Amino acid sequence: MMTFEQLLEVMTPEVHAAMKTAVELGKWPDGRRLSSEEREACLQAVIAYDAKHLPEEQRVGYIDRTKPDGTQHGPSQSTEDIIRILNS
């Protein structure tokens, strides 16, 4: 059986794209649905592949924090700062 690291070493851009599409659609190219375990494993592989082979702005989950004037937005607020629960 292949380890996760071995999979990443032999993963081609075509396999990466197929896994990414499978995660997005919830099914394999042949139409079979992904199990939750398969979806999780594929997503982990896609993220790891992205981190190793792609520039940050092309990775899954990248958020461009550049304002229209070219400056950067500050860091995201934590949910503690955004949500305040009031006890009555």
PDB file of N, CA and C in Angstrom:
ATOM      1  N   MET A   1       0.842  -1.193   0.000  1.00  0.00           N
ATOM      2  CA  MET A   1       0.000   0.000   0.000  1.00  0.00           C
ATOM      3  C   MET A   1       0.882   1.250   0.000  1.00  0.00           C
ATOM      4  N   MET A   2       0.444   2.265  -0.687  1.00  0.00           N
ATOM      5  CA  MET A   2       1.197   3.507  -0.841  1.00  0.00           C
ATOM      6  C   MET A   2       0.926   4.436   0.339  1.00  0.00           C
ATOM      7  N   THR A   3       1.985   5.080   0.838  1.00  0.00           N
ATOM      8  CA  THR A   3       1.807   6.064   1.905  1.00  0.00           C
ATOM      9  C   THR A   3       1.340   7.378   1.295  1.00  0.00           C
ATOM     10  N   PHE A   4       0.874   8.263   2.147  1.00  0.00           N
ATOM     11  CA  PHE A   4       0.415   9.573   1.706  1.00  0.00           C
ATOM     12  C   PHE A   4       1.556  10.334   1.031  1.00  0.00           C
ATOM     13  N   GLU A   5       2.746  10.286   1.617  1.00  0.00           N
ATOM     14  CA  GLU A   5       3.899  10.979   1.055  1.00  0.00           C
ATOM     15  C   GLU A   5       4.269  10.407  -0.312  1.00  0.00           C
ATOM     16  N   GLN A   6       4.192   9.080  -0.457  1.00  0.00           N
ATOM     17  CA  GLN A   6       4.486   8.463  -1.752  1.00  0.00           C
ATOM     18  C   GLN A   6       3.461   8.886  -2.800  1.00  0.00           C
ATOM     19  N   LEU A   7       2.207   8.972  -2.394  1.00  0.00           N
ATOM     20  CA  LEU A   7       1.161   9.429  -3.309  1.00  0.00           C
ATOM     21  C   LEU A   7       1.473  10.829  -3.812  1.00  0.00           C
ATOM     22  N   LEU A   8       1.864  11.716  -2.909  1.00  0.00           N
ATOM     23  CA  LEU A   8       2.172  13.093  -3.314  1.00  0.00           C
ATOM     24  C   LEU A   8       3.371  13.155  -4.256  1.00  0.00           C
ATOM     25  N   GLU A   9       4.338  12.262  -4.072  1.00  0.00           N
ATOM     26  CA  GLU A   9       5.514  12.247  -4.932  1.00  0.00           C
ATOM     27  C   GLU A   9       5.180  11.843  -6.367  1.00  0.00           C
ATOM     28  N   VAL A  10       4.213  10.949  -6.535  1.00  0.00           N
ATOM     29  CA  VAL A  10       3.891  10.453  -7.875  1.00  0.00           C
ATOM     30  C   VAL A  10       2.650  11.118  -8.478  1.00  0.00           C
ATOM     31  N   MET A  11       1.997  11.982  -7.724  1.00  0.00           N
ATOM     32  CA  MET A  11       0.776  12.630  -8.219  1.00  0.00           C
ATOM     33  C   MET A  11       1.118  13.573  -9.360  1.00  0.00           C
ATOM     34  N   THR A  12       0.410  13.413 -10.453  1.00  0.00           N
ATOM     35  CA  THR A  12       0.598  14.269 -11.628  1.00  0.00           C
ATOM     36  C   THR A  12      -0.397  15.427 -11.574  1.00  0.00           C
ATOM     37  N   PRO A  13      -0.162  16.475 -12.343  1.00  0.00           N
ATOM     38  CA  PRO A  13      -1.141  17.562 -12.408  1.00  0.00           C
ATOM     39  C   PRO A  13      -2.530  17.075 -12.849  1.00  0.00           C
ATOM     40  N   GLU A  14      -2.568  16.048 -13.699  1.00  0.00           N
ATOM     41  CA  GLU A  14      -3.859  15.518 -14.161  1.00  0.00           C
ATOM     42  C   GLU A  14      -4.607  14.821 -13.029  1.00  0.00           C
ATOM     43  N   VAL A  15      -3.880  14.047 -12.217  1.00  0.00           N
ATOM     44  CA  VAL A  15      -4.506  13.374 -11.067  1.00  0.00           C
ATOM     45  C   VAL A  15      -4.965  14.419 -10.053  1.00  0.00           C
ATOM     46  N   HIS A  16      -4.141  15.435  -9.835  1.00  0.00           N
ATOM     47  CA  HIS A  16      -4.508  16.528  -8.919  1.00  0.00           C
ATOM     48  C   HIS A  16      -5.809  17.187  -9.381  1.00  0.00           C
ATOM     49  N   ALA A  17      -5.902  17.487 -10.672  1.00  0.00           N
ATOM     50  CA  ALA A  17      -7.109  18.128 -11.210  1.00  0.00           C
ATOM     51  C   ALA A  17      -8.324  17.213 -11.067  1.00  0.00           C
ATOM     52  N   ALA A  18      -8.149  15.915 -11.315  1.00  0.00           N
ATOM     53  CA  ALA A  18      -9.261  14.969 -11.181  1.00  0.00           C
ATOM     54  C   ALA A  18      -9.727  14.880  -9.735  1.00  0.00           C
ATOM     55  N   MET A  19      -8.783  14.855  -8.792  1.00  0.00           N
ATOM     56  CA  MET A  19      -9.162  14.808  -7.369  1.00  0.00           C
ATOM     57  C   MET A  19      -9.866  16.096  -6.951  1.00  0.00           C
ATOM     58  N   LYS A  20      -9.373  17.215  -7.420  1.00  0.00           N
ATOM     59  CA  LYS A  20      -9.977  18.507  -7.081  1.00  0.00           C
ATOM     60  C   LYS A  20     -11.416  18.579  -7.604  1.00  0.00           C
ATOM     61  N   THR A  21     -11.614  18.141  -8.835  1.00  0.00           N
ATOM     62  CA  THR A  21     -12.960  18.113  -9.416  1.00  0.00           C
ATOM     63  C   THR A  21     -13.858  17.139  -8.660  1.00  0.00           C
ATOM     64  N   ALA A  22     -13.317  15.990  -8.286  1.00  0.00           N
ATOM     65  CA  ALA A  22     -14.098  14.996  -7.541  1.00  0.00           C
ATOM     66  C   ALA A  22     -14.567  15.569  -6.210  1.00  0.00           C
ATOM     67  N   VAL A  23     -13.690  16.294  -5.530  1.00  0.00           N
ATOM     68  CA  VAL A  23     -14.077  16.919  -4.255  1.00  0.00           C
ATOM     69  C   VAL A  23     -15.148  17.976  -4.492  1.00  0.00           C
ATOM     70  N   GLU A  24     -14.978  18.785  -5.533  1.00  0.00           N
ATOM     71  CA  GLU A  24     -15.936  19.854  -5.832  1.00  0.00           C
ATOM     72  C   GLU A  24     -17.323  19.300  -6.166  1.00  0.00           C
ATOM     73  N   LEU A  25     -17.361  18.224  -6.968  1.00  0.00           N
ATOM     74  CA  LEU A  25     -18.637  17.675  -7.432  1.00  0.00           C
ATOM     75  C   LEU A  25     -19.199  16.583  -6.520  1.00  0.00           C
ATOM     76  N   GLY A  26     -18.321  15.987  -5.703  1.00  0.00           N
ATOM     77  CA  GLY A  26     -18.760  14.897  -4.831  1.00  0.00           C
ATOM     78  C   GLY A  26     -18.860  13.563  -5.544  1.00  0.00           C
ATOM     79  N   LYS A  27     -18.241  13.483  -6.727  1.00  0.00           N
ATOM     80  CA  LYS A  27     -18.270  12.217  -7.463  1.00  0.00           C
ATOM     81  C   LYS A  27     -17.029  12.090  -8.335  1.00  0.00           C
ATOM     82  N   TRP A  28     -16.697  10.847  -8.652  1.00  0.00           N
ATOM     83  CA  TRP A  28     -15.561  10.552  -9.516  1.00  0.00           C
ATOM     84  C   TRP A  28     -15.942  10.854 -10.962  1.00  0.00           C
ATOM     85  N   PRO A  29     -14.949  10.958 -11.862  1.00  0.00           N
ATOM     86  CA  PRO A  29     -15.253  11.237 -13.272  1.00  0.00           C
ATOM     87  C   PRO A  29     -16.214  10.219 -13.900  1.00  0.00           C
ATOM     88  N   ASP A  30     -16.232   8.972 -13.382  1.00  0.00           N
ATOM     89  CA  ASP A  30     -17.149   7.969 -13.940  1.00  0.00           C
ATOM     90  C   ASP A  30     -18.554   8.044 -13.335  1.00  0.00           C
ATOM     91  N   GLY A  31     -18.792   9.022 -12.447  1.00  0.00           N
ATOM     92  CA  GLY A  31     -20.121   9.231 -11.888  1.00  0.00           C
ATOM     93  C   GLY A  31     -20.356   8.622 -10.516  1.00  0.00           C
ATOM     94  N   ARG A  32     -19.442   7.761 -10.051  1.00  0.00           N
ATOM     95  CA  ARG A  32     -19.620   7.179  -8.712  1.00  0.00           C
ATOM     96  C   ARG A  32     -19.439   8.255  -7.655  1.00  0.00           C
ATOM     97  N   ARG A  33     -20.298   8.220  -6.625  1.00  0.00           N
ATOM     98  CA  ARG A  33     -20.213   9.200  -5.539  1.00  0.00           C
ATOM     99  C   ARG A  33     -19.011   8.918  -4.652  1.00  0.00           C
ATOM    100  N   LEU A  34     -18.382   9.972  -4.152  1.00  0.00           N
ATOM    101  CA  LEU A  34     -17.280   9.830  -3.209  1.00  0.00           C
ATOM    102  C   LEU A  34     -17.850   9.542  -1.829  1.00  0.00           C
ATOM    103  N   SER A  35     -17.236   8.609  -1.121  1.00  0.00           N
ATOM    104  CA  SER A  35     -17.608   8.408   0.275  1.00  0.00           C
ATOM    105  C   SER A  35     -17.014   9.577   1.071  1.00  0.00           C
ATOM    106  N   SER A  36     -17.454   9.769   2.288  1.00  0.00           N
ATOM    107  CA  SER A  36     -16.908  10.862   3.094  1.00  0.00           C
ATOM    108  C   SER A  36     -15.413  10.662   3.333  1.00  0.00           C
ATOM    109  N   GLU A  37     -14.988   9.398   3.465  1.00  0.00           N
ATOM    110  CA  GLU A  37     -13.561   9.110   3.661  1.00  0.00           C
ATOM    111  C   GLU A  37     -12.760   9.457   2.402  1.00  0.00           C
ATOM    112  N   GLU A  38     -13.310   9.114   1.233  1.00  0.00           N
ATOM    113  CA  GLU A  38     -12.630   9.436  -0.021  1.00  0.00           C
ATOM    114  C   GLU A  38     -12.541  10.943  -0.219  1.00  0.00           C
ATOM    115  N   ARG A  39     -13.622  11.635   0.091  1.00  0.00           N
ATOM    116  CA  ARG A  39     -13.636  13.091  -0.077  1.00  0.00           C
ATOM    117  C   ARG A  39     -12.596  13.748   0.823  1.00  0.00           C
ATOM    118  N   GLU A  40     -12.525  13.284   2.073  1.00  0.00           N
ATOM    119  CA  GLU A  40     -11.557  13.837   3.009  1.00  0.00           C
ATOM    120  C   GLU A  40     -10.125  13.553   2.546  1.00  0.00           C
ATOM    121  N   ALA A  41      -9.852  12.327   2.120  1.00  0.00           N
ATOM    122  CA  ALA A  41      -8.508  11.958   1.657  1.00  0.00           C
ATOM    123  C   ALA A  41      -8.117  12.756   0.415  1.00  0.00           C
ATOM    124  N   CYS A  42      -9.043  12.916  -0.527  1.00  0.00           N
ATOM    125  CA  CYS A  42      -8.762  13.680  -1.740  1.00  0.00           C
ATOM    126  C   CYS A  42      -8.490  15.140  -1.409  1.00  0.00           C
ATOM    127  N   LEU A  43      -9.282  15.702  -0.520  1.00  0.00           N
ATOM    128  CA  LEU A  43      -9.093  17.106  -0.148  1.00  0.00           C
ATOM    129  C   LEU A  43      -7.732  17.302   0.513  1.00  0.00           C
ATOM    130  N   GLN A  44      -7.346  16.391   1.389  1.00  0.00           N
ATOM    131  CA  GLN A  44      -6.032  16.483   2.021  1.00  0.00           C
ATOM    132  C   GLN A  44      -4.928  16.395   0.981  1.00  0.00           C
ATOM    133  N   ALA A  45      -5.084  15.491   0.025  1.00  0.00           N
ATOM    134  CA  ALA A  45      -4.072  15.329  -1.028  1.00  0.00           C
ATOM    135  C   ALA A  45      -3.994  16.585  -1.900  1.00  0.00           C
ATOM    136  N   VAL A  46      -5.132  17.159  -2.248  1.00  0.00           N
ATOM    137  CA  VAL A  46      -5.164  18.372  -3.076  1.00  0.00           C
ATOM    138  C   VAL A  46      -4.473  19.519  -2.339  1.00  0.00           C
ATOM    139  N   ILE A  47      -4.777  19.699  -1.064  1.00  0.00           N
ATOM    140  CA  ILE A  47      -4.172  20.784  -0.283  1.00  0.00           C
ATOM    141  C   ILE A  47      -2.663  20.583  -0.167  1.00  0.00           C
ATOM    142  N   ALA A  48      -2.240  19.357   0.111  1.00  0.00           N
ATOM    143  CA  ALA A  48      -0.803  19.072   0.244  1.00  0.00           C
ATOM    144  C   ALA A  48      -0.085  19.272  -1.096  1.00  0.00           C
ATOM    145  N   TYR A  49      -0.690  18.814  -2.174  1.00  0.00           N
ATOM    146  CA  TYR A  49      -0.102  18.998  -3.514  1.00  0.00           C
ATOM    147  C   TYR A  49       0.021  20.488  -3.825  1.00  0.00           C
ATOM    148  N   ASP A  50      -1.043  21.240  -3.557  1.00  0.00           N
ATOM    149  CA  ASP A  50      -1.025  22.682  -3.797  1.00  0.00           C
ATOM    150  C   ASP A  50       0.124  23.344  -3.047  1.00  0.00           C
ATOM    151  N   ALA A  51       0.280  22.997  -1.767  1.00  0.00           N
ATOM    152  CA  ALA A  51       1.315  23.607  -0.934  1.00  0.00           C
ATOM    153  C   ALA A  51       2.712  23.313  -1.477  1.00  0.00           C
ATOM    154  N   LYS A  52       2.878  22.153  -2.077  1.00  0.00           N
ATOM    155  CA  LYS A  52       4.191  21.745  -2.581  1.00  0.00           C
ATOM    156  C   LYS A  52       4.487  22.282  -3.981  1.00  0.00           C
ATOM    157  N   HIS A  53       3.455  22.415  -4.823  1.00  0.00           N
ATOM    158  CA  HIS A  53       3.694  22.688  -6.240  1.00  0.00           C
ATOM    159  C   HIS A  53       3.147  24.008  -6.772  1.00  0.00           C
ATOM    160  N   LEU A  54       2.280  24.676  -6.038  1.00  0.00           N
ATOM    161  CA  LEU A  54       1.645  25.877  -6.587  1.00  0.00           C
ATOM    162  C   LEU A  54       1.984  27.121  -5.771  1.00  0.00           C
ATOM    163  N   PRO A  55       2.045  28.281  -6.428  1.00  0.00           N
ATOM    164  CA  PRO A  55       2.218  29.521  -5.670  1.00  0.00           C
ATOM    165  C   PRO A  55       0.977  29.772  -4.804  1.00  0.00           C
ATOM    166  N   GLU A  56       1.158  30.506  -3.737  1.00  0.00           N
ATOM    167  CA  GLU A  56       0.095  30.715  -2.751  1.00  0.00           C
ATOM    168  C   GLU A  56      -1.223  31.167  -3.374  1.00  0.00           C
ATOM    169  N   GLU A  57      -1.160  32.089  -4.328  1.00  0.00           N
ATOM    170  CA  GLU A  57      -2.403  32.636  -4.891  1.00  0.00           C
ATOM    171  C   GLU A  57      -3.160  31.651  -5.773  1.00  0.00           C
ATOM    172  N   GLN A  58      -2.577  30.498  -6.083  1.00  0.00           N
ATOM    173  CA  GLN A  58      -3.267  29.478  -6.880  1.00  0.00           C
ATOM    174  C   GLN A  58      -3.755  28.304  -6.041  1.00  0.00           C
ATOM    175  N   ARG A  59      -3.523  28.329  -4.743  1.00  0.00           N
ATOM    176  CA  ARG A  59      -3.876  27.204  -3.881  1.00  0.00           C
ATOM    177  C   ARG A  59      -5.348  27.230  -3.481  1.00  0.00           C
ATOM    178  N   VAL A  60      -5.859  26.032  -3.172  1.00  0.00           N
ATOM    179  CA  VAL A  60      -7.222  25.901  -2.660  1.00  0.00           C
ATOM    180  C   VAL A  60      -7.344  26.724  -1.382  1.00  0.00           C
ATOM    181  N   GLY A  61      -8.387  27.519  -1.293  1.00  0.00           N
ATOM    182  CA  GLY A  61      -8.651  28.294  -0.082  1.00  0.00           C
ATOM    183  C   GLY A  61      -7.971  29.648  -0.025  1.00  0.00           C
ATOM    184  N   TYR A  62      -7.210  29.993  -1.046  1.00  0.00           N
ATOM    185  CA  TYR A  62      -6.519  31.280  -1.036  1.00  0.00           C
ATOM    186  C   TYR A  62      -7.537  32.418  -1.082  1.00  0.00           C
ATOM    187  N   ILE A  63      -7.315  33.415  -0.253  1.00  0.00           N
ATOM    188  CA  ILE A  63      -8.159  34.609  -0.247  1.00  0.00           C
ATOM    189  C   ILE A  63      -7.271  35.809  -0.538  1.00  0.00           C
ATOM    190  N   ASP A  64      -7.572  36.503  -1.609  1.00  0.00           N
ATOM    191  CA  ASP A  64      -6.822  37.706  -1.953  1.00  0.00           C
ATOM    192  C   ASP A  64      -7.278  38.831  -1.039  1.00  0.00           C
ATOM    193  N   ARG A  65      -6.380  39.302  -0.201  1.00  0.00           N
ATOM    194  CA  ARG A  65      -6.725  40.335   0.771  1.00  0.00           C
ATOM    195  C   ARG A  65      -6.254  41.717   0.316  1.00  0.00           C
ATOM    196  N   THR A  66      -6.023  41.878  -0.998  1.00  0.00           N
ATOM    197  CA  THR A  66      -5.574  43.155  -1.528  1.00  0.00           C
ATOM    198  C   THR A  66      -6.767  44.071  -1.763  1.00  0.00           C
ATOM    199  N   LYS A  67      -6.654  45.290  -1.263  1.00  0.00           N
ATOM    200  CA  LYS A  67      -7.687  46.302  -1.491  1.00  0.00           C
ATOM    201  C   LYS A  67      -7.530  46.864  -2.898  1.00  0.00           C
ATOM    202  N   PRO A  68      -8.583  47.517  -3.407  1.00  0.00           N
ATOM    203  CA  PRO A  68      -8.482  48.109  -4.754  1.00  0.00           C
ATOM    204  C   PRO A  68      -7.304  49.075  -4.909  1.00  0.00           C
ATOM    205  N   ASP A  69      -6.881  49.728  -3.819  1.00  0.00           N
ATOM    206  CA  ASP A  69      -5.755  50.663  -3.920  1.00  0.00           C
ATOM    207  C   ASP A  69      -4.389  49.974  -3.818  1.00  0.00           C
ATOM    208  N   GLY A  70      -4.384  48.630  -3.707  1.00  0.00           N
ATOM    209  CA  GLY A  70      -3.133  47.876  -3.672  1.00  0.00           C
ATOM    210  C   GLY A  70      -2.623  47.547  -2.287  1.00  0.00           C
ATOM    211  N   THR A  71      -3.185  48.181  -1.249  1.00  0.00           N
ATOM    212  CA  THR A  71      -2.767  47.864   0.120  1.00  0.00           C
ATOM    213  C   THR A  71      -3.449  46.591   0.585  1.00  0.00           C
ATOM    214  N   GLN A  72      -2.960  46.029   1.669  1.00  0.00           N
ATOM    215  CA  GLN A  72      -3.512  44.788   2.205  1.00  0.00           C
ATOM    216  C   GLN A  72      -4.506  45.072   3.327  1.00  0.00           C
ATOM    217  N   HIS A  73      -5.575  44.268   3.364  1.00  0.00           N
ATOM    218  CA  HIS A  73      -6.487  44.309   4.499  1.00  0.00           C
ATOM    219  C   HIS A  73      -5.734  43.787   5.706  1.00  0.00           C
ATOM    220  N   GLY A  74      -6.163  44.170   6.885  1.00  0.00           N
ATOM    221  CA  GLY A  74      -5.570  43.639   8.111  1.00  0.00           C
ATOM    222  C   GLY A  74      -5.984  42.189   8.300  1.00  0.00           C
ATOM    223  N   PRO A  75      -5.451  41.528   9.323  1.00  0.00           N
ATOM    224  CA  PRO A  75      -5.822  40.129   9.577  1.00  0.00           C
ATOM    225  C   PRO A  75      -7.309  40.024   9.910  1.00  0.00           C
ATOM    226  N   SER A  76      -7.871  38.862   9.631  1.00  0.00           N
ATOM    227  CA  SER A  76      -9.284  38.635   9.921  1.00  0.00           C
ATOM    228  C   SER A  76      -9.533  38.742  11.417  1.00  0.00           C
ATOM    229  N   GLN A  77     -10.693  39.253  11.755  1.00  0.00           N
ATOM    230  CA  GLN A  77     -11.075  39.298  13.160  1.00  0.00           C
ATOM    231  C   GLN A  77     -11.447  37.891  13.602  1.00  0.00           C
ATOM    232  N   SER A  78     -11.184  37.584  14.851  1.00  0.00           N
ATOM    233  CA  SER A  78     -11.607  36.283  15.364  1.00  0.00           C
ATOM    234  C   SER A  78     -13.105  36.335  15.614  1.00  0.00           C
ATOM    235  N   THR A  79     -13.728  35.182  15.686  1.00  0.00           N
ATOM    236  CA  THR A  79     -15.171  35.147  15.915  1.00  0.00           C
ATOM    237  C   THR A  79     -15.524  35.721  17.281  1.00  0.00           C
ATOM    238  N   GLU A  80     -14.565  35.716  18.207  1.00  0.00           N
ATOM    239  CA  GLU A  80     -14.836  36.309  19.516  1.00  0.00           C
ATOM    240  C   GLU A  80     -15.059  37.806  19.392  1.00  0.00           C
ATOM    241  N   ASP A  81     -14.363  38.439  18.438  1.00  0.00           N
ATOM    242  CA  ASP A  81     -14.539  39.865  18.228  1.00  0.00           C
ATOM    243  C   ASP A  81     -15.816  40.171  17.453  1.00  0.00           C
ATOM    244  N   ILE A  82     -16.251  39.246  16.616  1.00  0.00           N
ATOM    245  CA  ILE A  82     -17.398  39.481  15.762  1.00  0.00           C
ATOM    246  C   ILE A  82     -18.712  39.152  16.475  1.00  0.00           C
ATOM    247  N   ILE A  83     -18.743  38.030  17.164  1.00  0.00           N
ATOM    248  CA  ILE A  83     -19.983  37.563  17.781  1.00  0.00           C
ATOM    249  C   ILE A  83     -19.946  37.844  19.280  1.00  0.00           C
ATOM    250  N   ARG A  84     -20.952  38.535  19.742  1.00  0.00           N
ATOM    251  CA  ARG A  84     -21.073  38.790  21.164  1.00  0.00           C
ATOM    252  C   ARG A  84     -22.415  38.220  21.624  1.00  0.00           C
ATOM    253  N   ILE A  85     -22.364  37.342  22.577  1.00  0.00           N
ATOM    254  CA  ILE A  85     -23.575  36.735  23.098  1.00  0.00           C
ATOM    255  C   ILE A  85     -23.986  37.497  24.337  1.00  0.00           C
ATOM    256  N   LEU A  86     -25.212  37.985  24.327  1.00  0.00           N
ATOM    257  CA  LEU A  86     -25.719  38.761  25.451  1.00  0.00           C
ATOM    258  C   LEU A  86     -26.640  37.916  26.295  1.00  0.00           C
ATOM    259  N   ASN A  87     -26.371  37.872  27.570  1.00  0.00           N
ATOM    260  CA  ASN A  87     -27.259  37.149  28.493  1.00  0.00           C
ATOM    261  C   ASN A  87     -28.294  38.127  29.027  1.00  0.00           C
ATOM    262  N   SER A  88     -29.567  37.734  29.020  1.00  0.00           N
ATOM    263  CA  SER A  88     -30.576  38.640  29.539  1.00  0.00           C
ATOM    264  C   SER A  88     -31.054  38.183  30.891  1.00  0.00           C
TER     265      SER A  88
END
